């Protein structure tokens, strides 16, 4: 029985394309998550004037 090289080639190309897509998508999601975490971190850090204690008290 001879292997069907056309079918094997199509399957291999599909697998490679899936892997490339998943890597690309992961990098995109990583950038978005990093940006979101940085923005949230900046919001949670108190400003310098918020932490100052009034000397008159």
PDB file of N, CA and C in Angstrom:
ATOM      1  N   UNK A   1       0.839  -1.181   0.000  1.00  0.00           N
ATOM      2  CA  UNK A   1       0.000   0.000   0.000  1.00  0.00           C
ATOM      3  C   UNK A   1       0.886   1.247   0.000  1.00  0.00           C
ATOM      4  N   UNK A   2       0.652   2.098  -0.955  1.00  0.00           N
ATOM      5  CA  UNK A   2       1.463   3.311  -1.110  1.00  0.00           C
ATOM      6  C   UNK A   2       0.801   4.479  -0.379  1.00  0.00           C
ATOM      7  N   UNK A   3       1.609   5.281   0.351  1.00  0.00           N
ATOM      8  CA  UNK A   3       1.014   6.417   1.079  1.00  0.00           C
ATOM      9  C   UNK A   3       0.515   7.496   0.108  1.00  0.00           C
ATOM     10  N   UNK A   4      -0.532   8.162   0.521  1.00  0.00           N
ATOM     11  CA  UNK A   4      -1.099   9.240  -0.284  1.00  0.00           C
ATOM     12  C   UNK A   4      -0.339  10.528   0.068  1.00  0.00           C
ATOM     13  N   UNK A   5       0.670  10.876  -0.741  1.00  0.00           N
ATOM     14  CA  UNK A   5       1.550  12.004  -0.439  1.00  0.00           C
ATOM     15  C   UNK A   5       0.818  13.338  -0.501  1.00  0.00           C
ATOM     16  N   UNK A   6      -0.182  13.439  -1.327  1.00  0.00           N
ATOM     17  CA  UNK A   6      -0.951  14.679  -1.405  1.00  0.00           C
ATOM     18  C   UNK A   6      -1.658  14.952  -0.087  1.00  0.00           C
ATOM     19  N   UNK A   7      -2.298  13.945   0.453  1.00  0.00           N
ATOM     20  CA  UNK A   7      -3.011  14.098   1.722  1.00  0.00           C
ATOM     21  C   UNK A   7      -2.031  14.377   2.868  1.00  0.00           C
ATOM     22  N   UNK A   8      -0.930  13.685   2.894  1.00  0.00           N
ATOM     23  CA  UNK A   8       0.083  13.905   3.934  1.00  0.00           C
ATOM     24  C   UNK A   8       0.626  15.325   3.849  1.00  0.00           C
ATOM     25  N   UNK A   9       0.881  15.811   2.651  1.00  0.00           N
ATOM     26  CA  UNK A   9       1.387  17.178   2.468  1.00  0.00           C
ATOM     27  C   UNK A   9       0.371  18.203   2.943  1.00  0.00           C
ATOM     28  N   UNK A  10      -0.891  18.004   2.615  1.00  0.00           N
ATOM     29  CA  UNK A  10      -1.939  18.942   3.040  1.00  0.00           C
ATOM     30  C   UNK A  10      -2.053  18.963   4.557  1.00  0.00           C
ATOM     31  N   UNK A  11      -1.991  17.804   5.186  1.00  0.00           N
ATOM     32  CA  UNK A  11      -2.086  17.727   6.646  1.00  0.00           C
ATOM     33  C   UNK A  11      -0.891  18.413   7.295  1.00  0.00           C
ATOM     34  N   UNK A  12       0.305  18.182   6.785  1.00  0.00           N
ATOM     35  CA  UNK A  12       1.507  18.812   7.340  1.00  0.00           C
ATOM     36  C   UNK A  12       1.437  20.328   7.191  1.00  0.00           C
ATOM     37  N   UNK A  13       1.009  20.815   6.039  1.00  0.00           N
ATOM     38  CA  UNK A  13       0.880  22.264   5.826  1.00  0.00           C
ATOM     39  C   UNK A  13      -0.158  22.848   6.782  1.00  0.00           C
ATOM     40  N   UNK A  14      -1.263  22.152   6.976  1.00  0.00           N
ATOM     41  CA  UNK A  14      -2.301  22.625   7.891  1.00  0.00           C
ATOM     42  C   UNK A  14      -1.772  22.694   9.326  1.00  0.00           C
ATOM     43  N   UNK A  15      -1.002  21.707   9.739  1.00  0.00           N
ATOM     44  CA  UNK A  15      -0.436  21.695  11.092  1.00  0.00           C
ATOM     45  C   UNK A  15       0.556  22.841  11.268  1.00  0.00           C
ATOM     46  N   UNK A  16       1.409  23.060  10.284  1.00  0.00           N
ATOM     47  CA  UNK A  16       2.381  24.156  10.356  1.00  0.00           C
ATOM     48  C   UNK A  16       1.660  25.502  10.423  1.00  0.00           C
ATOM     49  N   UNK A  17       0.639  25.680   9.597  1.00  0.00           N
ATOM     50  CA  UNK A  17      -0.118  26.935   9.619  1.00  0.00           C
ATOM     51  C   UNK A  17      -0.809  27.138  10.965  1.00  0.00           C
ATOM     52  N   UNK A  18      -1.337  26.077  11.548  1.00  0.00           N
ATOM     53  CA  UNK A  18      -1.973  26.174  12.861  1.00  0.00           C
ATOM     54  C   UNK A  18      -0.963  26.589  13.925  1.00  0.00           C
ATOM     55  N   UNK A  19       0.216  26.004  13.899  1.00  0.00           N
ATOM     56  CA  UNK A  19       1.259  26.350  14.872  1.00  0.00           C
ATOM     57  C   UNK A  19       1.684  27.804  14.710  1.00  0.00           C
ATOM     58  N   UNK A  20       1.876  28.239  13.465  1.00  0.00           N
ATOM     59  CA  UNK A  20       2.256  29.640  13.211  1.00  0.00           C
ATOM     60  C   UNK A  20       1.161  30.580  13.710  1.00  0.00           C
ATOM     61  N   UNK A  21      -0.090  30.246  13.436  1.00  0.00           N
ATOM     62  CA  UNK A  21      -1.204  31.080  13.892  1.00  0.00           C
ATOM     63  C   UNK A  21      -1.252  31.153  15.417  1.00  0.00           C
ATOM     64  N   UNK A  22      -1.076  30.021  16.088  1.00  0.00           N
ATOM     65  CA  UNK A  22      -1.129  30.011  17.547  1.00  0.00           C
ATOM     66  C   UNK A  22       0.017  30.817  18.165  1.00  0.00           C
ATOM     67  N   UNK A  23       1.191  30.731  17.586  1.00  0.00           N
ATOM     68  CA  UNK A  23       2.326  31.526  18.084  1.00  0.00           C
ATOM     69  C   UNK A  23       2.054  33.010  17.874  1.00  0.00           C
ATOM     70  N   UNK A  24       1.556  33.375  16.697  1.00  0.00           N
ATOM     71  CA  UNK A  24       1.247  34.779  16.400  1.00  0.00           C
ATOM     72  C   UNK A  24       0.192  35.307  17.358  1.00  0.00           C
ATOM     73  N   UNK A  25      -0.852  34.528  17.583  1.00  0.00           N
ATOM     74  CA  UNK A  25      -1.945  34.936  18.466  1.00  0.00           C
ATOM     75  C   UNK A  25      -1.450  35.072  19.909  1.00  0.00           C
ATOM     76  N   UNK A  26      -0.583  34.165  20.326  1.00  0.00           N
ATOM     77  CA  UNK A  26      -0.044  34.212  21.677  1.00  0.00           C
ATOM     78  C   UNK A  26       0.784  35.481  21.886  1.00  0.00           C
ATOM     79  N   UNK A  27       1.583  35.854  20.909  1.00  0.00           N
ATOM     80  CA  UNK A  27       2.385  37.072  21.019  1.00  0.00           C
ATOM     81  C   UNK A  27       1.492  38.307  21.093  1.00  0.00           C
ATOM     82  N   UNK A  28       0.433  38.317  20.306  1.00  0.00           N
ATOM     83  CA  UNK A  28      -0.510  39.430  20.311  1.00  0.00           C
ATOM     84  C   UNK A  28      -1.195  39.536  21.673  1.00  0.00           C
ATOM     85  N   UNK A  29      -1.658  38.408  22.202  1.00  0.00           N
ATOM     86  CA  UNK A  29      -2.308  38.401  23.510  1.00  0.00           C
ATOM     87  C   UNK A  29      -1.334  38.803  24.613  1.00  0.00           C
ATOM     88  N   UNK A  30      -0.093  38.407  24.486  1.00  0.00           N
ATOM     89  CA  UNK A  30       0.923  38.758  25.482  1.00  0.00           C
ATOM     90  C   UNK A  30       1.135  40.266  25.519  1.00  0.00           C
ATOM     91  N   UNK A  31       1.193  40.904  24.343  1.00  0.00           N
ATOM     92  CA  UNK A  31       1.343  42.365  24.286  1.00  0.00           C
ATOM     93  C   UNK A  31       0.154  43.057  24.939  1.00  0.00           C
ATOM     94  N   UNK A  32      -1.057  42.601  24.611  1.00  0.00           N
ATOM     95  CA  UNK A  32      -2.264  43.213  25.161  1.00  0.00           C
ATOM     96  C   UNK A  32      -2.320  43.048  26.680  1.00  0.00           C
ATOM     97  N   UNK A  33      -1.964  41.872  27.186  1.00  0.00           N
ATOM     98  CA  UNK A  33      -1.976  41.621  28.622  1.00  0.00           C
ATOM     99  C   UNK A  33      -0.937  42.474  29.327  1.00  0.00           C
ATOM    100  N   UNK A  34       0.251  42.574  28.748  1.00  0.00           N
ATOM    101  CA  UNK A  34       1.301  43.402  29.343  1.00  0.00           C
ATOM    102  C   UNK A  34       0.852  44.854  29.418  1.00  0.00           C
ATOM    103  N   UNK A  35       0.264  45.349  28.338  1.00  0.00           N
ATOM    104  CA  UNK A  35      -0.220  46.731  28.316  1.00  0.00           C
ATOM    105  C   UNK A  35      -1.309  46.944  29.371  1.00  0.00           C
ATOM    106  N   UNK A  36      -2.229  46.002  29.481  1.00  0.00           N
ATOM    107  CA  UNK A  36      -3.319  46.105  30.457  1.00  0.00           C
ATOM    108  C   UNK A  36      -2.776  46.090  31.880  1.00  0.00           C
ATOM    109  N   UNK A  37      -1.828  45.214  32.168  1.00  0.00           N
ATOM    110  CA  UNK A  37      -1.261  45.137  33.508  1.00  0.00           C
ATOM    111  C   UNK A  37      -0.480  46.391  33.872  1.00  0.00           C
ATOM    112  N   UNK A  38       0.212  46.961  32.904  1.00  0.00           N
ATOM    113  CA  UNK A  38       0.946  48.203  33.162  1.00  0.00           C
ATOM    114  C   UNK A  38      -0.029  49.329  33.466  1.00  0.00           C
ATOM    115  N   UNK A  39      -1.112  49.415  32.695  1.00  0.00           N
ATOM    116  CA  UNK A  39      -2.111  50.459  32.935  1.00  0.00           C
ATOM    117  C   UNK A  39      -2.762  50.288  34.302  1.00  0.00           C
ATOM    118  N   UNK A  40      -3.096  49.058  34.688  1.00  0.00           N
ATOM    119  CA  UNK A  40      -3.699  48.814  35.997  1.00  0.00           C
ATOM    120  C   UNK A  40      -2.724  49.141  37.114  1.00  0.00           C
ATOM    121  N   UNK A  41      -1.455  48.836  36.909  1.00  0.00           N
ATOM    122  CA  UNK A  41      -0.439  49.117  37.916  1.00  0.00           C
ATOM    123  C   UNK A  41      -0.268  50.619  38.098  1.00  0.00           C
ATOM    124  N   UNK A  42      -0.306  51.358  37.002  1.00  0.00           N
ATOM    125  CA  UNK A  42      -0.182  52.812  37.089  1.00  0.00           C
ATOM    126  C   UNK A  42      -1.361  53.419  37.833  1.00  0.00           C
ATOM    127  N   UNK A  43      -2.540  52.843  37.681  1.00  0.00           N
ATOM    128  CA  UNK A  43      -3.715  53.345  38.378  1.00  0.00           C
ATOM    129  C   UNK A  43      -3.653  53.046  39.871  1.00  0.00           C
ATOM    130  N   UNK A  44      -3.029  51.948  40.255  1.00  0.00           N
ATOM    131  CA  UNK A  44      -3.002  51.563  41.663  1.00  0.00           C
ATOM    132  C   UNK A  44      -1.896  52.254  42.442  1.00  0.00           C
ATOM    133  N   UNK A  45      -0.914  52.822  41.754  1.00  0.00           N
ATOM    134  CA  UNK A  45       0.170  53.521  42.448  1.00  0.00           C
ATOM    135  C   UNK A  45      -0.343  54.899  42.853  1.00  0.00           C
ATOM    136  N   UNK A  46      -0.281  55.209  44.162  1.00  0.00           N
ATOM    137  CA  UNK A  46      -0.750  56.532  44.588  1.00  0.00           C
ATOM    138  C   UNK A  46       0.183  57.633  44.092  1.00  0.00           C
ATOM    139  N   UNK A  47      -0.400  58.753  43.793  1.00  0.00           N
ATOM    140  CA  UNK A  47       0.385  59.898  43.339  1.00  0.00           C
ATOM    141  C   UNK A  47       1.141  60.481  44.530  1.00  0.00           C
ATOM    142  N   UNK A  48       2.222  61.200  44.254  1.00  0.00           N
ATOM    143  CA  UNK A  48       3.034  61.757  45.335  1.00  0.00           C
ATOM    144  C   UNK A  48       2.240  62.736  46.183  1.00  0.00           C
ATOM    145  N   UNK A  49       1.404  63.565  45.567  1.00  0.00           N
ATOM    146  CA  UNK A  49       0.659  64.543  46.348  1.00  0.00           C
ATOM    147  C   UNK A  49      -0.447  63.882  47.172  1.00  0.00           C
ATOM    148  N   UNK A  50      -0.849  62.673  46.815  1.00  0.00           N
ATOM    149  CA  UNK A  50      -1.849  61.959  47.602  1.00  0.00           C
ATOM    150  C   UNK A  50      -1.264  61.415  48.898  1.00  0.00           C
ATOM    151  N   UNK A  51       0.039  61.146  48.926  1.00  0.00           N
ATOM    152  CA  UNK A  51       0.647  60.537  50.101  1.00  0.00           C
ATOM    153  C   UNK A  51       1.228  61.558  51.058  1.00  0.00           C
ATOM    154  N   UNK A  52       1.262  62.806  50.677  1.00  0.00           N
ATOM    155  CA  UNK A  52       1.831  63.824  51.560  1.00  0.00           C
ATOM    156  C   UNK A  52       0.914  64.084  52.740  1.00  0.00           C
ATOM    157  N   UNK A  53       1.522  64.257  53.886  1.00  0.00           N
ATOM    158  CA  UNK A  53       0.767  64.541  55.110  1.00  0.00           C
ATOM    159  C   UNK A  53       0.802  66.050  55.327  1.00  0.00           C
ATOM    160  N   UNK A  54      -0.327  66.602  55.693  1.00  0.00           N
ATOM    161  CA  UNK A  54      -0.398  68.037  55.945  1.00  0.00           C
ATOM    162  C   UNK A  54       0.376  68.363  57.224  1.00  0.00           C
ATOM    163  N   UNK A  55       1.333  69.270  57.151  1.00  0.00           N
ATOM    164  CA  UNK A  55       2.193  69.622  58.281  1.00  0.00           C
ATOM    165  C   UNK A  55       1.440  70.432  59.341  1.00  0.00           C
ATOM    166  N   UNK A  56       0.295  70.998  59.007  1.00  0.00           N
ATOM    167  CA  UNK A  56      -0.440  71.838  59.950  1.00  0.00           C
ATOM    168  C   UNK A  56      -1.139  70.993  61.008  1.00  0.00           C
ATOM    169  N   UNK A  57      -1.376  69.728  60.756  1.00  0.00           N
ATOM    170  CA  UNK A  57      -2.083  68.895  61.727  1.00  0.00           C
ATOM    171  C   UNK A  57      -1.225  68.518  62.843  1.00  0.00           C
TER     172      UNK A  57
END
